[in-house]
Amino acid sequence: MAKVFDLSSVRFVKRIVIGQQDAALPYTQEQAKQDMQMLNQCLSSLSKGHIIACEKNFCVLNQGEHQVVQQWVVYHIGFEKKPLWIDNQ
């Protein structure tokens, strides 16, 4: 029988940002790939994490005559204990 995840057992939360959150710094495909790999590792590796919260953020910037909307998502991954491999990241 599968073990049921209980929020009261969360002792460590990893915050993972996916998307451009700073207009001054470019967000490359390589950075996006690294962020997605980290998210996938948190959800599938030993000491498996669970998504406990998700923030969706945006910012409207005026660049000359144009408006640009930047969006990013922040995932909060809860673990029962801090995985050892997170220190190596």
N, C-alpha and C. Protein backbone atom coordinates (compact mmCIF):
# COMPACT_ATOMS: atom_id res chain seq x y z
N MET A 1 0.84 -1.19 0.00
CA MET A 1 0.00 0.00 0.00
C MET A 1 0.89 1.25 0.00
N ALA A 2 0.53 2.23 -0.79
CA ALA A 2 1.31 3.46 -0.92
C ALA A 2 1.20 4.31 0.34
N LYS A 3 2.31 4.94 0.69
CA LYS A 3 2.34 5.83 1.84
C LYS A 3 1.68 7.16 1.48
N VAL A 4 0.82 7.66 2.32
CA VAL A 4 0.11 8.92 2.09
C VAL A 4 1.00 10.08 2.55
N PHE A 5 1.12 11.11 1.70
CA PHE A 5 1.91 12.28 2.05
C PHE A 5 1.09 13.19 2.95
N ASP A 6 1.70 13.62 4.05
CA ASP A 6 1.03 14.48 5.01
C ASP A 6 1.85 15.77 5.16
N LEU A 7 1.21 16.92 5.03
CA LEU A 7 1.92 18.20 5.12
C LEU A 7 2.60 18.40 6.48
N SER A 8 2.07 17.80 7.51
CA SER A 8 2.69 17.96 8.82
C SER A 8 4.04 17.27 8.91
N SER A 9 4.35 16.39 7.95
CA SER A 9 5.65 15.70 7.96
C SER A 9 6.73 16.48 7.20
N VAL A 10 6.39 17.61 6.59
CA VAL A 10 7.36 18.40 5.82
C VAL A 10 8.32 19.09 6.79
N ARG A 11 9.63 18.85 6.57
CA ARG A 11 10.66 19.46 7.40
C ARG A 11 11.61 20.34 6.60
N PHE A 12 11.55 20.24 5.27
CA PHE A 12 12.43 21.04 4.41
C PHE A 12 11.66 21.42 3.15
N VAL A 13 11.78 22.69 2.73
CA VAL A 13 11.11 23.18 1.53
C VAL A 13 12.16 23.77 0.59
N LYS A 14 12.16 23.29 -0.64
CA LYS A 14 13.04 23.82 -1.68
C LYS A 14 12.21 24.71 -2.58
N ARG A 15 12.68 25.93 -2.82
CA ARG A 15 11.98 26.90 -3.66
C ARG A 15 12.66 26.93 -5.02
N ILE A 16 11.92 26.64 -6.08
CA ILE A 16 12.47 26.59 -7.44
C ILE A 16 11.73 27.60 -8.31
N VAL A 17 12.48 28.55 -8.88
CA VAL A 17 11.91 29.58 -9.74
C VAL A 17 12.13 29.16 -11.20
N ILE A 18 11.07 29.19 -11.98
CA ILE A 18 11.16 28.89 -13.40
C ILE A 18 10.61 30.09 -14.16
N GLY A 19 11.47 30.73 -14.93
CA GLY A 19 11.08 31.91 -15.70
C GLY A 19 11.94 33.09 -15.33
N GLN A 20 11.81 34.15 -16.11
CA GLN A 20 12.62 35.35 -15.91
C GLN A 20 11.98 36.24 -14.87
N GLN A 21 12.72 36.46 -13.80
CA GLN A 21 12.18 37.30 -12.73
C GLN A 21 12.90 38.64 -12.62
N ASP A 22 13.96 38.83 -13.40
CA ASP A 22 14.72 40.08 -13.37
C ASP A 22 14.90 40.59 -14.80
N ALA A 23 14.40 41.78 -15.08
CA ALA A 23 14.47 42.32 -16.44
C ALA A 23 15.91 42.63 -16.87
N ALA A 24 16.79 42.85 -15.92
CA ALA A 24 18.17 43.21 -16.25
C ALA A 24 18.99 42.00 -16.70
N LEU A 25 18.57 40.79 -16.31
CA LEU A 25 19.32 39.59 -16.65
C LEU A 25 18.54 38.75 -17.65
N PRO A 26 19.17 38.34 -18.75
CA PRO A 26 18.47 37.50 -19.72
C PRO A 26 18.28 36.08 -19.18
N TYR A 27 17.16 35.48 -19.49
CA TYR A 27 16.85 34.11 -19.08
C TYR A 27 17.00 33.23 -20.31
N THR A 28 18.04 32.42 -20.31
CA THR A 28 18.37 31.62 -21.48
C THR A 28 17.68 30.26 -21.46
N GLN A 29 17.71 29.60 -22.60
CA GLN A 29 17.17 28.24 -22.71
C GLN A 29 17.93 27.29 -21.79
N GLU A 30 19.23 27.51 -21.66
CA GLU A 30 20.05 26.66 -20.79
C GLU A 30 19.62 26.80 -19.33
N GLN A 31 19.34 28.02 -18.89
CA GLN A 31 18.87 28.23 -17.53
C GLN A 31 17.51 27.58 -17.32
N ALA A 32 16.64 27.69 -18.31
CA ALA A 32 15.32 27.07 -18.22
C ALA A 32 15.45 25.55 -18.11
N LYS A 33 16.36 24.99 -18.89
CA LYS A 33 16.59 23.55 -18.85
C LYS A 33 17.11 23.11 -17.48
N GLN A 34 18.05 23.88 -16.92
CA GLN A 34 18.59 23.56 -15.59
C GLN A 34 17.51 23.64 -14.52
N ASP A 35 16.67 24.68 -14.59
CA ASP A 35 15.58 24.82 -13.62
C ASP A 35 14.60 23.65 -13.70
N MET A 36 14.26 23.24 -14.92
CA MET A 36 13.34 22.11 -15.10
C MET A 36 13.97 20.80 -14.63
N GLN A 37 15.27 20.63 -14.86
CA GLN A 37 15.95 19.42 -14.37
C GLN A 37 15.92 19.36 -12.86
N MET A 38 16.13 20.50 -12.20
CA MET A 38 16.09 20.55 -10.74
C MET A 38 14.69 20.19 -10.23
N LEU A 39 13.67 20.75 -10.87
CA LEU A 39 12.29 20.45 -10.48
C LEU A 39 12.00 18.96 -10.65
N ASN A 40 12.37 18.41 -11.78
CA ASN A 40 12.14 16.99 -12.03
C ASN A 40 12.91 16.11 -11.06
N GLN A 41 14.14 16.50 -10.72
CA GLN A 41 14.92 15.72 -9.77
C GLN A 41 14.26 15.74 -8.38
N CYS A 42 13.76 16.89 -7.99
CA CYS A 42 13.09 17.00 -6.69
C CYS A 42 11.85 16.11 -6.62
N LEU A 43 11.15 15.98 -7.74
CA LEU A 43 9.90 15.23 -7.75
C LEU A 43 10.08 13.74 -8.00
N SER A 44 11.27 13.32 -8.45
CA SER A 44 11.43 11.92 -8.82
C SER A 44 12.57 11.19 -8.13
N SER A 45 13.53 11.89 -7.55
CA SER A 45 14.68 11.23 -6.92
C SER A 45 14.30 10.63 -5.57
N LEU A 46 15.25 9.84 -5.04
CA LEU A 46 15.06 9.27 -3.72
C LEU A 46 14.89 10.40 -2.71
N SER A 47 14.12 10.17 -1.71
CA SER A 47 13.67 11.22 -0.80
C SER A 47 12.77 12.17 -1.60
N LYS A 48 11.80 11.57 -2.24
CA LYS A 48 10.91 12.24 -3.19
C LYS A 48 10.16 13.43 -2.55
N GLY A 49 10.18 14.55 -3.27
CA GLY A 49 9.47 15.73 -2.81
C GLY A 49 8.07 15.82 -3.40
N HIS A 50 7.28 16.71 -2.85
CA HIS A 50 5.91 16.92 -3.30
C HIS A 50 5.67 18.42 -3.45
N ILE A 51 4.95 18.81 -4.49
CA ILE A 51 4.60 20.23 -4.66
C ILE A 51 3.59 20.60 -3.59
N ILE A 52 3.98 21.55 -2.74
CA ILE A 52 3.08 21.97 -1.67
C ILE A 52 2.50 23.35 -1.92
N ALA A 53 3.12 24.10 -2.84
CA ALA A 53 2.60 25.43 -3.19
C ALA A 53 3.16 25.85 -4.54
N CYS A 54 2.45 26.76 -5.19
CA CYS A 54 2.87 27.26 -6.49
C CYS A 54 2.48 28.73 -6.58
N GLU A 55 3.47 29.58 -6.83
CA GLU A 55 3.21 31.01 -7.01
C GLU A 55 3.31 31.33 -8.49
N LYS A 56 2.39 32.12 -9.00
CA LYS A 56 2.45 32.60 -10.38
C LYS A 56 2.57 34.11 -10.33
N ASN A 57 3.67 34.62 -10.86
CA ASN A 57 3.97 36.04 -10.77
C ASN A 57 4.13 36.64 -12.16
N PHE A 58 3.90 37.94 -12.25
CA PHE A 58 4.15 38.64 -13.50
C PHE A 58 4.54 40.08 -13.20
N CYS A 59 5.14 40.68 -14.21
CA CYS A 59 5.57 42.07 -14.10
C CYS A 59 5.39 42.71 -15.47
N VAL A 60 4.78 43.89 -15.53
CA VAL A 60 4.59 44.61 -16.79
C VAL A 60 5.65 45.71 -16.87
N LEU A 61 6.42 45.66 -17.95
CA LEU A 61 7.50 46.64 -18.14
C LEU A 61 7.20 47.49 -19.37
N ASN A 62 7.53 48.75 -19.29
CA ASN A 62 7.42 49.63 -20.46
C ASN A 62 8.80 49.81 -21.06
N GLN A 63 8.94 49.41 -22.31
CA GLN A 63 10.20 49.58 -23.02
C GLN A 63 9.90 50.42 -24.26
N GLY A 64 10.14 51.69 -24.13
CA GLY A 64 9.82 52.61 -25.22
C GLY A 64 8.31 52.67 -25.40
N GLU A 65 7.84 52.36 -26.62
CA GLU A 65 6.41 52.38 -26.91
C GLU A 65 5.73 51.04 -26.61
N HIS A 66 6.50 50.06 -26.21
CA HIS A 66 5.98 48.71 -26.04
C HIS A 66 5.86 48.34 -24.57
N GLN A 67 4.90 47.48 -24.31
CA GLN A 67 4.76 46.89 -22.98
C GLN A 67 5.16 45.42 -23.08
N VAL A 68 5.97 45.00 -22.14
CA VAL A 68 6.43 43.62 -22.09
C VAL A 68 5.97 43.01 -20.78
N VAL A 69 5.42 41.81 -20.86
CA VAL A 69 4.98 41.11 -19.66
C VAL A 69 5.97 39.98 -19.39
N GLN A 70 6.55 40.00 -18.21
CA GLN A 70 7.43 38.91 -17.79
C GLN A 70 6.66 38.04 -16.81
N GLN A 71 6.81 36.74 -16.96
CA GLN A 71 6.12 35.81 -16.08
C GLN A 71 7.11 34.80 -15.53
N TRP A 72 6.86 34.36 -14.31
CA TRP A 72 7.64 33.27 -13.74
C TRP A 72 6.77 32.53 -12.73
N VAL A 73 7.14 31.28 -12.51
CA VAL A 73 6.41 30.41 -11.59
C VAL A 73 7.39 29.94 -10.52
N VAL A 74 6.96 29.94 -9.29
CA VAL A 74 7.78 29.47 -8.18
C VAL A 74 7.10 28.24 -7.59
N TYR A 75 7.83 27.12 -7.59
CA TYR A 75 7.34 25.88 -7.01
C TYR A 75 7.98 25.70 -5.63
N HIS A 76 7.17 25.36 -4.66
CA HIS A 76 7.66 25.03 -3.32
C HIS A 76 7.53 23.51 -3.18
N ILE A 77 8.68 22.84 -3.09
CA ILE A 77 8.72 21.39 -3.02
C ILE A 77 9.01 21.00 -1.58
N GLY A 78 8.10 20.24 -0.97
CA GLY A 78 8.26 19.82 0.41
C GLY A 78 8.86 18.43 0.52
N PHE A 79 9.78 18.27 1.46
CA PHE A 79 10.44 16.99 1.73
C PHE A 79 10.26 16.66 3.21
N GLU A 80 10.23 15.36 3.50
CA GLU A 80 10.18 14.94 4.91
C GLU A 80 11.50 15.23 5.61
N LYS A 81 12.60 15.15 4.86
CA LYS A 81 13.91 15.56 5.37
C LYS A 81 14.72 16.09 4.20
N LYS A 82 15.73 16.90 4.49
CA LYS A 82 16.52 17.51 3.41
C LYS A 82 17.33 16.43 2.69
N PRO A 83 17.14 16.30 1.38
CA PRO A 83 17.92 15.31 0.62
C PRO A 83 19.40 15.68 0.60
N LEU A 84 20.26 14.68 0.67
CA LEU A 84 21.71 14.93 0.66
C LEU A 84 22.17 15.53 -0.65
N TRP A 85 21.54 15.18 -1.75
CA TRP A 85 21.99 15.67 -3.06
C TRP A 85 21.72 17.15 -3.28
N ILE A 86 20.85 17.76 -2.49
CA ILE A 86 20.57 19.20 -2.65
C ILE A 86 21.79 20.04 -2.29
N ASP A 87 22.60 19.60 -1.34
CA ASP A 87 23.80 20.35 -0.97
C ASP A 87 24.80 20.39 -2.10
N ASN A 88 24.75 19.42 -3.01
CA ASN A 88 25.70 19.35 -4.12
C ASN A 88 25.28 20.20 -5.31
N GLN A 89 24.11 20.79 -5.28
CA GLN A 89 23.61 21.57 -6.42
C GLN A 89 24.20 22.96 -6.41
